[in-house]
């Protein structure tokens, strides 16, 4: 039996750091895993990853203590089952807007009788043990993304859905959903109306005894989010970190020549 270290850390009430993988390179995944993230999320929605890429990245993470999560493209039983069978230890699912959406998501992550997941953990059982099926329901994390006005409206029922471990806030889409194109696109919202919604979601998550995470662009903002009460934060991504480091390196050189 392989325990989900990220989940255990959240249960203990410790704040956790999640990384974000968008580049289809197992070597990049290995580099990120070696740096001390509590979890790394493979982004199959907006990243450059297909299933074969995701499998290679999951293999690249093997041997590290970092917990592998996957943001699936949509609430699809096929997508969710494939990455769980490949060894993902948690699912982040976009655009969960209603209790019915949340119930479907939870059912795709859990085996019968509580869910609808088909049995066939071809790689998961190889790396987590032959008894994988007997404990997977308890160890796998299931996060519903809150990123629309409808999801905010239904947040209490989403949070109280059986099988949903918590919610993950996508601030870019959340801002679009609540205000249209009134504000700039992106993370790290500073608008009072958006911050108030984020803080209310944090309050509701605590009230429901569920976990809550927030996608951030900068570590300074992530620290603020932790002070608000989020359980885990994502700071940037492999592609953004590479771009910013390269930009700074070029800037430092060009400043002298």
C-alpha atoms as a PDB file:
ATOM      1  CA  UNK A   1       0.000   0.000   0.000  1.00  0.00           C
ATOM      2  CA  UNK A   2       1.342   3.395  -1.013  1.00  0.00           C
ATOM      3  CA  UNK A   3       0.055   6.260   1.102  1.00  0.00           C
ATOM      4  CA  UNK A   4      -0.736   9.593  -0.531  1.00  0.00           C
ATOM      5  CA  UNK A   5       1.817  11.862   1.156  1.00  0.00           C
ATOM      6  CA  UNK A   6       0.234  15.056  -0.176  1.00  0.00           C
ATOM      7  CA  UNK A   7      -3.168  14.067   1.208  1.00  0.00           C
ATOM      8  CA  UNK A   8      -1.658  13.133   4.560  1.00  0.00           C
ATOM      9  CA  UNK A   9       0.043  16.513   4.779  1.00  0.00           C
ATOM     10  CA  UNK A  10      -3.252  18.278   4.130  1.00  0.00           C
ATOM     11  CA  UNK A  11      -5.021  16.119   6.722  1.00  0.00           C
ATOM     12  CA  UNK A  12      -2.371  17.114   9.279  1.00  0.00           C
ATOM     13  CA  UNK A  13      -3.209  20.752   8.603  1.00  0.00           C
ATOM     14  CA  UNK A  14       0.176  21.564   7.083  1.00  0.00           C
ATOM     15  CA  UNK A  15       0.368  24.027   4.204  1.00  0.00           C
ATOM     16  CA  UNK A  16       1.509  22.457   0.953  1.00  0.00           C
ATOM     17  CA  UNK A  17       3.150  23.599  -2.275  1.00  0.00           C
ATOM     18  CA  UNK A  18       2.065  22.266  -5.652  1.00  0.00           C
ATOM     19  CA  UNK A  19       4.025  22.630  -8.881  1.00  0.00           C
ATOM     20  CA  UNK A  20       2.579  22.723 -12.388  1.00  0.00           C
ATOM     21  CA  UNK A  21       3.848  20.715 -15.360  1.00  0.00           C
ATOM     22  CA  UNK A  22       2.949  21.769 -18.904  1.00  0.00           C
ATOM     23  CA  UNK A  23       6.047  20.763 -20.872  1.00  0.00           C
ATOM     24  CA  UNK A  24       6.042  17.250 -22.429  1.00  0.00           C
ATOM     25  CA  UNK A  25       9.437  16.281 -21.021  1.00  0.00           C
ATOM     26  CA  UNK A  26      10.061  13.605 -18.401  1.00  0.00           C
ATOM     27  CA  UNK A  27      13.433  15.224 -17.700  1.00  0.00           C
ATOM     28  CA  UNK A  28      11.758  18.538 -16.852  1.00  0.00           C
ATOM     29  CA  UNK A  29       9.390  16.593 -14.590  1.00  0.00           C
ATOM     30  CA  UNK A  30      12.360  14.947 -12.882  1.00  0.00           C
ATOM     31  CA  UNK A  31      14.018  18.333 -12.332  1.00  0.00           C
ATOM     32  CA  UNK A  32      10.834  19.742 -10.780  1.00  0.00           C
ATOM     33  CA  UNK A  33      10.354  16.636  -8.631  1.00  0.00           C
ATOM     34  CA  UNK A  34      13.887  16.930  -7.256  1.00  0.00           C
ATOM     35  CA  UNK A  35      13.277  20.429  -5.901  1.00  0.00           C
ATOM     36  CA  UNK A  36      10.950  19.670  -3.003  1.00  0.00           C
ATOM     37  CA  UNK A  37       7.389  20.260  -4.207  1.00  0.00           C
ATOM     38  CA  UNK A  38       4.784  18.422  -2.155  1.00  0.00           C
ATOM     39  CA  UNK A  39       2.834  17.663  -5.335  1.00  0.00           C
ATOM     40  CA  UNK A  40       3.221  18.202  -9.059  1.00  0.00           C
ATOM     41  CA  UNK A  41       0.190  18.550 -11.325  1.00  0.00           C
ATOM     42  CA  UNK A  42       0.348  17.445 -14.946  1.00  0.00           C
ATOM     43  CA  UNK A  43      -1.809  19.882 -16.900  1.00  0.00           C
ATOM     44  CA  UNK A  44      -3.669  18.029 -19.646  1.00  0.00           C
ATOM     45  CA  UNK A  45      -6.195  20.833 -20.112  1.00  0.00           C
ATOM     46  CA  UNK A  46      -4.063  23.822 -21.099  1.00  0.00           C
ATOM     47  CA  UNK A  47      -0.608  22.245 -21.084  1.00  0.00           C
ATOM     48  CA  UNK A  48       1.099  20.609 -24.073  1.00  0.00           C
ATOM     49  CA  UNK A  49       0.456  17.075 -22.817  1.00  0.00           C
ATOM     50  CA  UNK A  50      -1.407  14.154 -24.341  1.00  0.00           C
ATOM     51  CA  UNK A  51      -1.814  10.741 -22.669  1.00  0.00           C
ATOM     52  CA  UNK A  52       1.537   9.396 -23.878  1.00  0.00           C
ATOM     53  CA  UNK A  53       3.260  12.519 -22.549  1.00  0.00           C
ATOM     54  CA  UNK A  54       1.451  12.213 -19.221  1.00  0.00           C
ATOM     55  CA  UNK A  55       2.519   8.577 -18.878  1.00  0.00           C
ATOM     56  CA  UNK A  56       6.162   9.522 -19.527  1.00  0.00           C
ATOM     57  CA  UNK A  57       5.980  12.321 -16.945  1.00  0.00           C
ATOM     58  CA  UNK A  58       4.416  10.023 -14.363  1.00  0.00           C
ATOM     59  CA  UNK A  59       7.276   7.591 -14.995  1.00  0.00           C
ATOM     60  CA  UNK A  60       9.720  10.472 -14.588  1.00  0.00           C
ATOM     61  CA  UNK A  61       8.264  11.253 -11.163  1.00  0.00           C
ATOM     62  CA  UNK A  62       8.680   7.690  -9.896  1.00  0.00           C
ATOM     63  CA  UNK A  63      11.249   7.448  -7.145  1.00  0.00           C
ATOM     64  CA  UNK A  64      10.599  10.959  -5.880  1.00  0.00           C
ATOM     65  CA  UNK A  65       8.520  11.874  -2.836  1.00  0.00           C
ATOM     66  CA  UNK A  66       6.411  14.359  -4.805  1.00  0.00           C
ATOM     67  CA  UNK A  67       2.779  13.276  -5.222  1.00  0.00           C
ATOM     68  CA  UNK A  68       1.631  13.206  -8.872  1.00  0.00           C
ATOM     69  CA  UNK A  69      -1.704  14.867  -9.655  1.00  0.00           C
ATOM     70  CA  UNK A  70      -3.337  15.412 -13.047  1.00  0.00           C
ATOM     71  CA  UNK A  71      -5.597  18.179 -14.244  1.00  0.00           C
ATOM     72  CA  UNK A  72      -7.705  16.351 -16.789  1.00  0.00           C
ATOM     73  CA  UNK A  73      -9.045  18.120 -19.904  1.00  0.00           C
ATOM     74  CA  UNK A  74     -12.680  17.788 -18.802  1.00  0.00           C
ATOM     75  CA  UNK A  75     -14.994  15.740 -16.598  1.00  0.00           C
ATOM     76  CA  UNK A  76     -14.671  12.640 -18.739  1.00  0.00           C
ATOM     77  CA  UNK A  77     -14.672   9.102 -17.297  1.00  0.00           C
ATOM     78  CA  UNK A  78     -12.259   7.934 -19.993  1.00  0.00           C
ATOM     79  CA  UNK A  79      -9.678  10.659 -19.311  1.00  0.00           C
ATOM     80  CA  UNK A  80      -9.911  10.252 -15.552  1.00  0.00           C
ATOM     81  CA  UNK A  81      -9.680   6.461 -15.605  1.00  0.00           C
ATOM     82  CA  UNK A  82      -6.667   6.453 -17.946  1.00  0.00           C
ATOM     83  CA  UNK A  83      -4.509   8.758 -15.818  1.00  0.00           C
ATOM     84  CA  UNK A  84      -5.502   7.043 -12.568  1.00  0.00           C
ATOM     85  CA  UNK A  85      -4.619   3.671 -14.078  1.00  0.00           C
ATOM     86  CA  UNK A  86      -1.303   5.211 -15.154  1.00  0.00           C
ATOM     87  CA  UNK A  87      -0.471   6.146 -11.567  1.00  0.00           C
ATOM     88  CA  UNK A  88      -1.921   9.584 -10.814  1.00  0.00           C
ATOM     89  CA  UNK A  89      -2.710   9.981  -7.118  1.00  0.00           C
ATOM     90  CA  UNK A  90      -5.175  12.812  -7.518  1.00  0.00           C
ATOM     91  CA  UNK A  91      -7.440  14.509 -10.023  1.00  0.00           C
ATOM     92  CA  UNK A  92      -8.096  18.200 -10.541  1.00  0.00           C
ATOM     93  CA  UNK A  93     -11.102  18.620 -12.822  1.00  0.00           C
ATOM     94  CA  UNK A  94     -12.003  21.909 -14.570  1.00  0.00           C
ATOM     95  CA  UNK A  95     -15.378  23.580 -14.942  1.00  0.00           C
ATOM     96  CA  UNK A  96     -17.350  21.802 -12.221  1.00  0.00           C
ATOM     97  CA  UNK A  97     -20.394  24.056 -11.986  1.00  0.00           C
ATOM     98  CA  UNK A  98     -23.112  22.109 -10.169  1.00  0.00           C
ATOM     99  CA  UNK A  99     -23.650  19.413  -7.582  1.00  0.00           C
ATOM    100  CA  UNK A 100     -24.525  17.057 -10.440  1.00  0.00           C
ATOM    101  CA  UNK A 101     -21.161  17.792 -12.080  1.00  0.00           C
ATOM    102  CA  UNK A 102     -19.414  17.128  -8.758  1.00  0.00           C
ATOM    103  CA  UNK A 103     -21.270  13.850  -8.262  1.00  0.00           C
ATOM    104  CA  UNK A 104     -20.233  12.648 -11.706  1.00  0.00           C
ATOM    105  CA  UNK A 105     -16.620  13.639 -11.066  1.00  0.00           C
ATOM    106  CA  UNK A 106     -16.533  11.800  -7.742  1.00  0.00           C
ATOM    107  CA  UNK A 107     -18.094   8.714  -9.327  1.00  0.00           C
ATOM    108  CA  UNK A 108     -15.433   8.597 -12.040  1.00  0.00           C
ATOM    109  CA  UNK A 109     -12.655   8.626  -9.424  1.00  0.00           C
ATOM    110  CA  UNK A 110     -14.082   5.907  -7.121  1.00  0.00           C
ATOM    111  CA  UNK A 111     -14.683   2.198  -7.675  1.00  0.00           C
ATOM    112  CA  UNK A 112     -18.119   0.566  -7.214  1.00  0.00           C
ATOM    113  CA  UNK A 113     -20.206   0.452  -5.159  1.00  0.00           C
ATOM    114  CA  UNK A 114     -19.597   4.130  -4.373  1.00  0.00           C
ATOM    115  CA  UNK A 115     -18.472   5.103  -7.880  1.00  0.00           C
ATOM    116  CA  UNK A 116     -18.302   4.059 -11.515  1.00  0.00           C
ATOM    117  CA  UNK A 117     -14.571   3.695 -12.114  1.00  0.00           C
ATOM    118  CA  UNK A 118     -13.726   0.635 -14.195  1.00  0.00           C
ATOM    119  CA  UNK A 119     -11.068  -1.679 -12.730  1.00  0.00           C
ATOM    120  CA  UNK A 120      -7.808  -2.005 -14.622  1.00  0.00           C
ATOM    121  CA  UNK A 121      -4.933  -0.198 -12.829  1.00  0.00           C
ATOM    122  CA  UNK A 122      -2.312  -1.548 -15.216  1.00  0.00           C
ATOM    123  CA  UNK A 123       0.540   0.711 -14.079  1.00  0.00           C
ATOM    124  CA  UNK A 124      -0.927   1.898 -10.770  1.00  0.00           C
ATOM    125  CA  UNK A 125      -0.888  -1.622  -9.323  1.00  0.00           C
ATOM    126  CA  UNK A 126       2.660  -2.132 -10.585  1.00  0.00           C
ATOM    127  CA  UNK A 127       4.023   0.861  -8.671  1.00  0.00           C
ATOM    128  CA  UNK A 128       1.590   0.942  -5.738  1.00  0.00           C
ATOM    129  CA  UNK A 129       1.035  -2.739  -5.025  1.00  0.00           C
ATOM    130  CA  UNK A 130      -1.257  -5.581  -6.047  1.00  0.00           C
ATOM    131  CA  UNK A 131      -3.755  -4.513  -3.355  1.00  0.00           C
ATOM    132  CA  UNK A 132      -4.200  -1.109  -5.042  1.00  0.00           C
ATOM    133  CA  UNK A 133      -7.912  -1.685  -5.679  1.00  0.00           C
ATOM    134  CA  UNK A 134      -8.628  -2.214  -1.985  1.00  0.00           C
ATOM    135  CA  UNK A 135      -7.345   1.187  -0.872  1.00  0.00           C
ATOM    136  CA  UNK A 136      -7.395   3.479  -3.934  1.00  0.00           C
ATOM    137  CA  UNK A 137     -10.743   5.075  -3.037  1.00  0.00           C
ATOM    138  CA  UNK A 138      -9.330   6.296   0.296  1.00  0.00           C
ATOM    139  CA  UNK A 139      -5.981   7.519  -1.007  1.00  0.00           C
ATOM    140  CA  UNK A 140      -6.816   9.264  -4.303  1.00  0.00           C
ATOM    141  CA  UNK A 141      -7.605  12.973  -4.072  1.00  0.00           C
ATOM    142  CA  UNK A 142     -10.497  14.475  -6.024  1.00  0.00           C
ATOM    143  CA  UNK A 143     -10.599  18.249  -6.523  1.00  0.00           C
ATOM    144  CA  UNK A 144     -13.352  20.152  -8.319  1.00  0.00           C
ATOM    145  CA  UNK A 145     -12.296  23.433  -9.914  1.00  0.00           C
ATOM    146  CA  UNK A 146     -14.333  26.510  -9.035  1.00  0.00           C
ATOM    147  CA  UNK A 147     -13.923  28.963 -11.903  1.00  0.00           C
ATOM    148  CA  UNK A 148     -17.327  30.279 -13.003  1.00  0.00           C
ATOM    149  CA  UNK A 149     -20.121  32.373 -11.527  1.00  0.00           C
ATOM    150  CA  UNK A 150     -22.377  29.296 -11.576  1.00  0.00           C
ATOM    151  CA  UNK A 151     -19.801  27.285  -9.647  1.00  0.00           C
ATOM    152  CA  UNK A 152     -19.567  30.044  -7.030  1.00  0.00           C
ATOM    153  CA  UNK A 153     -23.357  30.036  -6.732  1.00  0.00           C
ATOM    154  CA  UNK A 154     -23.314  26.258  -6.218  1.00  0.00           C
ATOM    155  CA  UNK A 155     -20.115  26.104  -4.168  1.00  0.00           C
ATOM    156  CA  UNK A 156     -21.761  24.865  -0.962  1.00  0.00           C
ATOM    157  CA  UNK A 157     -23.423  21.918  -2.697  1.00  0.00           C
ATOM    158  CA  UNK A 158     -20.208  21.150  -4.622  1.00  0.00           C
ATOM    159  CA  UNK A 159     -18.164  21.188  -1.424  1.00  0.00           C
ATOM    160  CA  UNK A 160     -20.651  18.930   0.346  1.00  0.00           C
ATOM    161  CA  UNK A 161     -20.701  16.328  -2.418  1.00  0.00           C
ATOM    162  CA  UNK A 162     -19.597  12.918  -1.153  1.00  0.00           C
ATOM    163  CA  UNK A 163     -16.318  11.874  -2.733  1.00  0.00           C
ATOM    164  CA  UNK A 164     -15.117  15.428  -3.374  1.00  0.00           C
ATOM    165  CA  UNK A 165     -12.046  16.071  -1.210  1.00  0.00           C
ATOM    166  CA  UNK A 166     -11.881  19.763  -1.932  1.00  0.00           C
ATOM    167  CA  UNK A 167     -11.954  22.541  -4.477  1.00  0.00           C
ATOM    168  CA  UNK A 168      -9.283  24.254  -6.511  1.00  0.00           C
ATOM    169  CA  UNK A 169      -9.715  27.890  -7.515  1.00  0.00           C
ATOM    170  CA  UNK A 170      -8.785  28.890 -11.047  1.00  0.00           C
ATOM    171  CA  UNK A 171      -8.529  32.683 -10.598  1.00  0.00           C
ATOM    172  CA  UNK A 172      -8.168  33.573 -14.274  1.00  0.00           C
ATOM    173  CA  UNK A 173     -11.380  31.869 -15.375  1.00  0.00           C
ATOM    174  CA  UNK A 174     -13.093  32.834 -12.125  1.00  0.00           C
ATOM    175  CA  UNK A 175     -12.449  36.518 -12.851  1.00  0.00           C
ATOM    176  CA  UNK A 176     -13.705  36.094 -16.416  1.00  0.00           C
ATOM    177  CA  UNK A 177     -16.778  34.271 -15.175  1.00  0.00           C
ATOM    178  CA  UNK A 178     -17.628  36.899 -12.591  1.00  0.00           C
ATOM    179  CA  UNK A 179     -16.698  40.100 -14.435  1.00  0.00           C
ATOM    180  CA  UNK A 180     -16.230  39.276 -18.122  1.00  0.00           C
ATOM    181  CA  UNK A 181     -13.361  41.226 -19.667  1.00  0.00           C
ATOM    182  CA  UNK A 182     -13.562  44.044 -17.138  1.00  0.00           C
ATOM    183  CA  UNK A 183     -10.122  43.205 -15.761  1.00  0.00           C
ATOM    184  CA  UNK A 184      -6.819  41.908 -17.134  1.00  0.00           C
ATOM    185  CA  UNK A 185      -6.423  38.195 -17.748  1.00  0.00           C
ATOM    186  CA  UNK A 186      -4.293  36.137 -15.378  1.00  0.00           C
ATOM    187  CA  UNK A 187      -3.625  35.017 -11.817  1.00  0.00           C
ATOM    188  CA  UNK A 188      -2.908  36.904  -8.565  1.00  0.00           C
ATOM    189  CA  UNK A 189      -6.117  38.907  -8.417  1.00  0.00           C
ATOM    190  CA  UNK A 190      -6.024  42.190  -6.519  1.00  0.00           C
ATOM    191  CA  UNK A 191      -9.577  43.352  -7.225  1.00  0.00           C
ATOM    192  CA  UNK A 192     -11.595  43.566  -3.996  1.00  0.00           C
ATOM    193  CA  UNK A 193     -14.634  41.867  -5.534  1.00  0.00           C
ATOM    194  CA  UNK A 194     -12.565  38.862  -6.619  1.00  0.00           C
ATOM    195  CA  UNK A 195     -10.607  38.616  -3.377  1.00  0.00           C
ATOM    196  CA  UNK A 196     -13.863  38.660  -1.419  1.00  0.00           C
ATOM    197  CA  UNK A 197     -15.150  35.692  -3.441  1.00  0.00           C
ATOM    198  CA  UNK A 198     -11.894  33.783  -2.919  1.00  0.00           C
ATOM    199  CA  UNK A 199     -12.013  34.438   0.813  1.00  0.00           C
ATOM    200  CA  UNK A 200     -15.666  33.364   0.978  1.00  0.00           C
ATOM    201  CA  UNK A 201     -14.806  30.114  -0.806  1.00  0.00           C
ATOM    202  CA  UNK A 202     -12.033  29.539   1.740  1.00  0.00           C
ATOM    203  CA  UNK A 203     -14.533  30.075   4.559  1.00  0.00           C
ATOM    204  CA  UNK A 204     -17.041  27.680   3.009  1.00  0.00           C
ATOM    205  CA  UNK A 205     -14.358  25.025   2.460  1.00  0.00           C
ATOM    206  CA  UNK A 206     -13.330  25.205   6.111  1.00  0.00           C
ATOM    207  CA  UNK A 207     -16.979  25.045   7.158  1.00  0.00           C
ATOM    208  CA  UNK A 208     -17.448  21.925   5.018  1.00  0.00           C
ATOM    209  CA  UNK A 209     -14.211  20.363   6.305  1.00  0.00           C
ATOM    210  CA  UNK A 210     -12.846  20.168   2.755  1.00  0.00           C
ATOM    211  CA  UNK A 211      -9.472  21.203   1.318  1.00  0.00           C
ATOM    212  CA  UNK A 212      -9.009  24.265  -0.867  1.00  0.00           C
ATOM    213  CA  UNK A 213      -6.192  25.219  -3.233  1.00  0.00           C
ATOM    214  CA  UNK A 214      -5.414  28.321  -5.284  1.00  0.00           C
ATOM    215  CA  UNK A 215      -3.439  28.776  -8.486  1.00  0.00           C
ATOM    216  CA  UNK A 216      -0.937  31.637  -8.078  1.00  0.00           C
ATOM    217  CA  UNK A 217       1.578  33.359 -10.295  1.00  0.00           C
ATOM    218  CA  UNK A 218       4.088  34.619  -7.735  1.00  0.00           C
ATOM    219  CA  UNK A 219       5.334  33.294  -4.362  1.00  0.00           C
ATOM    220  CA  UNK A 220       4.478  36.587  -2.647  1.00  0.00           C
ATOM    221  CA  UNK A 221       0.837  36.198  -3.612  1.00  0.00           C
ATOM    222  CA  UNK A 222       0.887  32.533  -2.612  1.00  0.00           C
ATOM    223  CA  UNK A 223       2.108  33.510   0.861  1.00  0.00           C
ATOM    224  CA  UNK A 224      -0.815  35.920   1.143  1.00  0.00           C
ATOM    225  CA  UNK A 225      -3.213  33.184   0.070  1.00  0.00           C
ATOM    226  CA  UNK A 226      -1.866  30.885   2.783  1.00  0.00           C
ATOM    227  CA  UNK A 227      -2.540  33.647   5.313  1.00  0.00           C
ATOM    228  CA  UNK A 228      -6.124  33.798   4.025  1.00  0.00           C
ATOM    229  CA  UNK A 229      -6.409  30.107   4.850  1.00  0.00           C
ATOM    230  CA  UNK A 230      -5.912  28.059   1.673  1.00  0.00           C
ATOM    231  CA  UNK A 231      -4.506  24.608   2.277  1.00  0.00           C
ATOM    232  CA  UNK A 232      -2.219  24.474  -0.736  1.00  0.00           C
ATOM    233  CA  UNK A 233      -0.988  26.785  -3.451  1.00  0.00           C
ATOM    234  CA  UNK A 234       0.424  26.369  -6.920  1.00  0.00           C
ATOM    235  CA  UNK A 235       3.124  28.858  -7.859  1.00  0.00           C
ATOM    236  CA  UNK A 236       3.684  29.385 -11.585  1.00  0.00           C
ATOM    237  CA  UNK A 237       4.571  26.449 -13.892  1.00  0.00           C
ATOM    238  CA  UNK A 238       7.569  24.797 -15.491  1.00  0.00           C
ATOM    239  CA  UNK A 239       7.145  26.821 -18.706  1.00  0.00           C
ATOM    240  CA  UNK A 240       6.633  30.141 -16.919  1.00  0.00           C
ATOM    241  CA  UNK A 241       9.560  29.528 -14.583  1.00  0.00           C
ATOM    242  CA  UNK A 242      11.836  28.683 -17.512  1.00  0.00           C
ATOM    243  CA  UNK A 243      10.695  31.765 -19.411  1.00  0.00           C
ATOM    244  CA  UNK A 244      11.171  34.118 -16.465  1.00  0.00           C
ATOM    245  CA  UNK A 245      14.602  32.698 -15.614  1.00  0.00           C
ATOM    246  CA  UNK A 246      15.727  32.971 -19.250  1.00  0.00           C
ATOM    247  CA  UNK A 247      14.402  36.529 -19.523  1.00  0.00           C
ATOM    248  CA  UNK A 248      16.268  37.549 -16.384  1.00  0.00           C
ATOM    249  CA  UNK A 249      19.473  35.895 -17.578  1.00  0.00           C
ATOM    250  CA  UNK A 250      19.291  37.706 -20.923  1.00  0.00           C
ATOM    251  CA  UNK A 251      18.439  40.992 -19.215  1.00  0.00           C
ATOM    252  CA  UNK A 252      21.425  40.648 -16.866  1.00  0.00           C
ATOM    253  CA  UNK A 253      23.763  40.003 -19.778  1.00  0.00           C
ATOM    254  CA  UNK A 254      22.337  42.723 -22.057  1.00  0.00           C
ATOM    255  CA  UNK A 255      22.653  45.302 -19.279  1.00  0.00           C
ATOM    256  CA  UNK A 256      26.438  45.140 -19.726  1.00  0.00           C
ATOM    257  CA  UNK A 257      26.744  44.595 -23.486  1.00  0.00           C
END
